[in-house]
């Protein structure tokens, strides 16, 4: 029986290459792009966060850089709902700030949670996540021969006092530095709802709750 299951898995891997999971940045989405000039383009939108460019497909395909875009939004059918990306000045790979794209996860009067996605390779995937779980989860892609599984990961940032800070995904930093004035309430909330300090959906809920506490205080 075990040998039969292994054979089925091998066949699934081979045939699955043709059905390889495409990540959000690799497909076209219905969307709108708003330029700094005031123009708006609507059509199929494809984005590249590494190059900080957006492609818009109407009758033709036009390419716009982050320097010419105020923000763009897409309807992501796989990941759910409308996702919004703003072009904001930030020193990403140098000491000089340039406009780059950040996705807005939740916005508040006190702090705003931003993120930038990237595709990485995880060699632990098979054992730690489980074969079936990977294929059912859109965060994971198909295995690459000799390179493990590709998956979507995120860098998170907080916009506070008109400055953007990269979050190192350490719980101590989140509670003792970013949300220090409400750390007791946040610890209780995270424990009660079993939220992780480094998971996209959980971090969104944590930030939204912090903003709610601040607005009520």
Protein backbone atom coordinates (compact mmCIF):
# COMPACT_ATOMS: atom_id res chain seq x y z
CA UNK A 1 0.00 0.00 0.00
CA UNK A 2 2.80 2.46 0.95
CA UNK A 3 4.59 1.71 -2.33
CA UNK A 4 1.37 2.42 -4.25
CA UNK A 5 0.91 5.75 -2.47
CA UNK A 6 4.50 6.78 -3.24
CA UNK A 7 3.98 5.86 -6.89
CA UNK A 8 0.82 7.95 -7.05
CA UNK A 9 2.65 10.91 -5.49
CA UNK A 10 5.48 10.62 -8.00
CA UNK A 11 3.04 10.56 -10.89
CA UNK A 12 1.22 13.52 -9.38
CA UNK A 13 4.46 15.50 -9.19
CA UNK A 14 5.35 14.74 -12.80
CA UNK A 15 1.94 15.54 -14.24
CA UNK A 16 1.54 18.52 -11.92
CA UNK A 17 4.37 20.47 -13.52
CA UNK A 18 2.05 21.47 -16.35
CA UNK A 19 -0.43 22.79 -13.77
CA UNK A 20 2.19 24.70 -11.76
CA UNK A 21 0.82 27.17 -9.26
CA UNK A 22 1.08 30.73 -10.45
CA UNK A 23 1.59 33.40 -7.83
CA UNK A 24 -0.32 36.72 -7.83
CA UNK A 25 2.49 38.68 -9.50
CA UNK A 26 2.62 36.16 -12.34
CA UNK A 27 -0.97 36.53 -13.56
CA UNK A 28 -3.22 39.27 -14.93
CA UNK A 29 -5.88 40.75 -12.65
CA UNK A 30 -8.80 43.09 -13.29
CA UNK A 31 -7.66 46.41 -11.90
CA UNK A 32 -7.07 50.14 -12.06
CA UNK A 33 -3.89 52.20 -12.09
CA UNK A 34 -3.88 55.83 -10.91
CA UNK A 35 -1.02 57.96 -12.19
CA UNK A 36 0.58 60.98 -10.54
CA UNK A 37 -0.60 62.99 -13.56
CA UNK A 38 -4.21 62.35 -12.60
CA UNK A 39 -4.87 59.81 -15.36
CA UNK A 40 -6.50 56.49 -14.62
CA UNK A 41 -6.09 53.28 -16.62
CA UNK A 42 -8.44 50.34 -16.24
CA UNK A 43 -7.99 46.84 -17.63
CA UNK A 44 -5.95 43.75 -16.91
CA UNK A 45 -3.13 44.56 -14.48
CA UNK A 46 0.09 42.70 -13.78
CA UNK A 47 2.68 43.88 -11.24
CA UNK A 48 6.35 43.29 -10.52
CA UNK A 49 7.44 44.39 -7.05
CA UNK A 50 11.10 43.56 -7.70
CA UNK A 51 11.24 45.95 -10.64
CA UNK A 52 8.53 48.23 -9.22
CA UNK A 53 6.59 48.36 -12.47
CA UNK A 54 2.97 47.74 -13.43
CA UNK A 55 1.67 46.55 -16.77
CA UNK A 56 -1.82 47.50 -17.95
CA UNK A 57 -3.46 45.58 -20.75
CA UNK A 58 -6.25 47.33 -22.65
CA UNK A 59 -6.05 47.42 -26.44
CA UNK A 60 -2.29 47.43 -25.99
CA UNK A 61 0.04 46.79 -23.07
CA UNK A 62 1.54 49.82 -21.32
CA UNK A 63 4.20 49.79 -18.63
CA UNK A 64 4.35 52.27 -15.76
CA UNK A 65 7.03 52.67 -13.11
CA UNK A 66 6.38 53.33 -9.43
CA UNK A 67 7.64 56.89 -9.96
CA UNK A 68 4.67 57.63 -12.24
CA UNK A 69 2.00 55.86 -10.15
CA UNK A 70 0.19 57.10 -7.06
CA UNK A 71 -1.47 53.75 -6.41
CA UNK A 72 -3.06 50.78 -8.14
CA UNK A 73 -5.66 48.24 -7.13
CA UNK A 74 -6.45 44.76 -8.34
CA UNK A 75 -9.20 42.23 -7.80
CA UNK A 76 -7.40 39.05 -6.78
CA UNK A 77 -9.70 36.08 -7.35
CA UNK A 78 -7.33 33.55 -5.74
CA UNK A 79 -6.29 35.50 -2.63
CA UNK A 80 -9.62 37.21 -2.27
CA UNK A 81 -10.97 40.69 -2.76
CA UNK A 82 -9.47 44.00 -3.75
CA UNK A 83 -5.81 44.58 -2.96
CA UNK A 84 -4.35 48.09 -2.98
CA UNK A 85 -0.71 49.06 -3.55
CA UNK A 86 0.69 52.56 -2.95
CA UNK A 87 3.90 54.02 -4.30
CA UNK A 88 5.78 55.42 -1.31
CA UNK A 89 9.32 56.80 -0.87
CA UNK A 90 11.61 54.34 0.88
CA UNK A 91 15.33 53.48 0.91
CA UNK A 92 15.11 49.82 -0.05
CA UNK A 93 18.58 48.91 -1.32
CA UNK A 94 20.49 52.15 -0.78
CA UNK A 95 20.55 55.26 1.40
CA UNK A 96 18.39 57.13 -1.09
CA UNK A 97 14.62 57.04 -0.95
CA UNK A 98 12.84 56.18 -4.17
CA UNK A 99 9.17 55.40 -4.83
CA UNK A 100 8.44 51.69 -4.41
CA UNK A 101 5.23 49.70 -4.10
CA UNK A 102 3.75 48.63 -0.78
CA UNK A 103 0.52 46.72 -0.33
CA UNK A 104 -1.75 48.24 2.32
CA UNK A 105 -3.03 45.51 4.64
CA UNK A 106 -4.80 47.69 7.19
CA UNK A 107 -4.83 51.45 7.66
CA UNK A 108 -5.36 53.33 10.91
CA UNK A 109 -4.98 56.71 12.54
CA UNK A 110 -2.07 55.45 14.65
CA UNK A 111 -0.23 52.95 12.44
CA UNK A 112 -0.68 51.41 9.00
CA UNK A 113 0.47 47.89 8.17
CA UNK A 114 2.19 47.48 4.80
CA UNK A 115 3.83 44.54 3.10
CA UNK A 116 5.87 43.51 0.09
CA UNK A 117 5.57 39.95 -1.18
CA UNK A 118 8.31 37.84 -2.70
CA UNK A 119 8.69 34.28 -3.96
CA UNK A 120 11.16 32.07 -2.14
CA UNK A 121 12.14 28.40 -2.04
CA UNK A 122 11.47 26.14 0.93
CA UNK A 123 13.25 22.80 1.11
CA UNK A 124 11.45 21.89 4.32
CA UNK A 125 8.03 22.04 2.71
CA UNK A 126 7.35 18.36 2.13
CA UNK A 127 7.99 17.25 5.72
CA UNK A 128 6.80 20.27 7.64
CA UNK A 129 3.65 21.11 5.69
CA UNK A 130 2.49 17.90 4.09
CA UNK A 131 2.00 17.10 0.42
CA UNK A 132 -1.76 17.53 0.31
CA UNK A 133 -1.63 20.73 2.33
CA UNK A 134 0.75 22.34 -0.13
CA UNK A 135 -1.37 21.62 -3.16
CA UNK A 136 -4.45 22.97 -1.40
CA UNK A 137 -2.72 26.16 -0.29
CA UNK A 138 -2.26 29.01 -2.83
CA UNK A 139 0.77 30.25 -0.89
CA UNK A 140 2.71 27.27 -2.25
CA UNK A 141 3.82 26.55 -5.80
CA UNK A 142 4.76 23.32 -7.53
CA UNK A 143 8.08 21.64 -6.66
CA UNK A 144 11.13 22.61 -8.69
CA UNK A 145 13.49 19.77 -9.48
CA UNK A 146 16.29 19.77 -6.91
CA UNK A 147 15.21 23.11 -5.47
CA UNK A 148 12.35 22.33 -3.11
CA UNK A 149 8.98 24.09 -3.21
CA UNK A 150 8.44 27.70 -4.19
CA UNK A 151 6.20 29.67 -1.87
CA UNK A 152 5.01 33.20 -1.27
CA UNK A 153 6.53 35.10 1.65
CA UNK A 154 6.23 38.64 2.94
CA UNK A 155 8.24 41.49 4.39
CA UNK A 156 6.13 43.67 6.68
CA UNK A 157 6.41 47.39 7.36
CA UNK A 158 4.70 49.85 9.67
CA UNK A 159 3.87 53.38 8.57
CA UNK A 160 3.89 55.56 11.67
CA UNK A 161 4.41 59.31 12.08
CA UNK A 162 4.90 59.57 8.30
CA UNK A 163 7.86 57.18 8.43
CA UNK A 164 8.10 53.61 7.19
CA UNK A 165 9.76 51.07 9.48
CA UNK A 166 10.61 47.53 8.44
CA UNK A 167 9.29 44.99 10.93
CA UNK A 168 11.80 42.25 11.76
CA UNK A 169 8.95 39.88 12.71
CA UNK A 170 10.07 39.54 16.33
CA UNK A 171 7.33 39.43 18.92
CA UNK A 172 9.37 41.44 21.42
CA UNK A 173 9.77 44.30 18.93
CA UNK A 174 6.05 44.30 18.12
CA UNK A 175 4.93 44.44 21.74
CA UNK A 176 7.74 46.39 23.42
CA UNK A 177 8.51 48.95 20.72
CA UNK A 178 5.71 49.32 18.17
CA UNK A 179 2.74 48.67 20.49
CA UNK A 180 4.43 49.23 23.84
CA UNK A 181 1.75 51.53 25.26
CA UNK A 182 -0.88 48.79 24.80
CA UNK A 183 1.33 45.75 25.24
CA UNK A 184 -0.73 44.17 28.04
CA UNK A 185 -3.97 44.41 26.07
CA UNK A 186 -2.26 43.16 22.90
CA UNK A 187 -0.74 40.13 24.66
CA UNK A 188 -4.15 39.19 26.00
CA UNK A 189 -5.81 39.66 22.59
CA UNK A 190 -3.18 37.59 20.78
CA UNK A 191 -3.34 34.81 23.36
CA UNK A 192 -7.14 34.72 23.36
CA UNK A 193 -7.40 34.49 19.57
CA UNK A 194 -4.23 32.41 19.10
CA UNK A 195 -2.67 34.96 16.75
CA UNK A 196 0.90 34.80 15.48
CA UNK A 197 3.06 37.90 15.35
CA UNK A 198 4.55 36.97 11.95
CA UNK A 199 1.56 35.69 9.94
CA UNK A 200 0.00 37.99 7.35
CA UNK A 201 -3.65 37.54 8.34
CA UNK A 202 -2.91 37.50 12.07
CA UNK A 203 -0.70 40.57 11.92
CA UNK A 204 -3.46 42.40 10.06
CA UNK A 205 -5.92 41.61 12.88
CA UNK A 206 -3.38 42.57 15.55
CA UNK A 207 -2.70 45.94 13.95
CA UNK A 208 -6.38 46.67 13.40
CA UNK A 209 -7.10 45.90 17.06
CA UNK A 210 -4.26 48.13 18.23
CA UNK A 211 -5.67 51.02 16.19
CA UNK A 212 -9.08 50.32 17.70
CA UNK A 213 -7.65 50.49 21.23
CA UNK A 214 -5.90 53.77 20.43
CA UNK A 215 -9.02 55.34 18.98
CA UNK A 216 -11.04 54.38 22.07
CA UNK A 217 -8.47 55.65 24.57
